[in-house]
Protein backbone atom coordinates (compact mmCIF):
# COMPACT_ATOMS: atom_id res chain seq x y z
CA GLU A 1 -7.89 -4.57 0.06
CA THR A 2 -4.66 -5.60 1.59
CA GLY A 3 -5.37 -9.04 3.06
CA SER A 4 -4.64 -9.95 6.27
CA GLU A 5 -1.11 -11.62 7.31
CA ASP A 6 -2.19 -13.26 10.45
CA ILE A 7 -4.73 -13.74 13.04
CA ASP A 8 -4.71 -14.62 16.57
CA ILE A 9 -8.10 -15.69 18.54
CA LEU A 10 -8.35 -15.35 22.25
CA PRO A 11 -10.37 -17.71 24.52
CA SER A 12 -12.83 -15.00 24.71
CA GLY A 13 -13.73 -15.38 21.08
CA LEU A 14 -11.95 -11.78 19.99
CA ALA A 15 -9.60 -12.27 16.65
CA PHE A 16 -6.71 -9.84 16.46
CA ILE A 17 -5.91 -9.51 12.74
CA SER A 18 -2.57 -7.95 11.49
CA SER A 19 -2.90 -6.54 7.67
CA GLY A 20 -0.64 -4.85 5.27
CA LEU A 21 2.43 -6.47 5.01
CA LYS A 22 4.88 -5.55 2.53
CA TYR A 23 7.57 -7.48 1.32
CA PRO A 24 10.15 -7.32 -1.29
CA GLY A 25 8.74 -9.74 -3.98
CA LEU A 26 5.16 -9.71 -2.76
CA LYS A 27 2.43 -7.91 -4.82
CA SER A 28 1.02 -5.00 -2.66
CA PHE A 29 -2.37 -3.50 -3.57
CA ALA A 30 -1.78 -0.30 -1.51
CA VAL A 31 2.06 0.51 -1.84
CA ASP A 32 1.65 3.66 -0.02
CA LYS A 33 -0.91 2.63 3.09
CA PRO A 34 0.54 1.40 6.26
CA GLY A 35 -0.20 -1.83 8.21
CA GLU A 36 -3.07 -1.87 10.38
CA ILE A 37 -4.20 -4.03 13.13
CA PHE A 38 -8.14 -5.11 13.41
CA LEU A 39 -10.38 -6.56 15.91
CA MET A 40 -13.04 -8.59 15.27
CA ASP A 41 -15.85 -10.27 18.04
CA LEU A 42 -16.75 -13.87 16.94
CA ASN A 43 -19.57 -13.90 19.28
CA GLU A 44 -21.37 -11.59 17.20
CA ASP A 45 -24.25 -12.45 14.80
CA ASN A 46 -22.52 -11.12 12.05
CA PRO A 47 -18.78 -9.99 13.13
CA ARG A 48 -16.95 -7.92 11.06
CA ALA A 49 -13.31 -6.33 11.50
CA VAL A 50 -12.87 -3.05 13.17
CA GLU A 51 -9.63 -0.89 12.48
CA LEU A 52 -8.02 -0.37 16.04
CA ARG A 53 -6.33 3.04 16.52
CA ILE A 54 -2.61 3.41 17.14
CA SER A 55 -1.37 5.40 20.09
CA ARG A 56 0.21 8.96 19.26
CA GLY A 57 3.97 8.73 18.88
CA PHE A 58 3.98 5.62 17.31
CA ASP A 59 5.65 5.27 13.69
CA LEU A 60 2.41 4.34 11.68
CA ALA A 61 4.32 5.34 8.26
CA SER A 62 6.74 2.34 8.82
CA PHE A 63 3.82 -0.24 10.37
CA ASN A 64 4.55 -3.16 8.47
CA PRO A 65 3.19 -5.86 10.59
CA HIS A 66 4.46 -9.57 9.86
CA GLY A 67 2.36 -12.08 12.37
CA ILE A 68 0.73 -10.94 15.64
CA SER A 69 0.14 -12.99 19.16
CA THR A 70 -1.23 -11.92 22.37
CA TYR A 71 -0.38 -12.96 25.62
CA VAL A 72 -3.29 -13.81 28.03
CA ASP A 73 -2.34 -13.57 32.18
């Protein structure tokens, strides 16, 4: 419902999606909801985005993802 801000697709077909960007002047449909990171396996017949759990100790309340990138070693 907040839309995705960015997506990065690995060669394996896994897609990481950042969502929930709040920016001055940009309409937000979920003002009190923190940002999220989703994972989607594009190899599946019916891929769906699954929210990833963020580690304890992370300040989730102020999480406002703008972009996403991955590093493959």
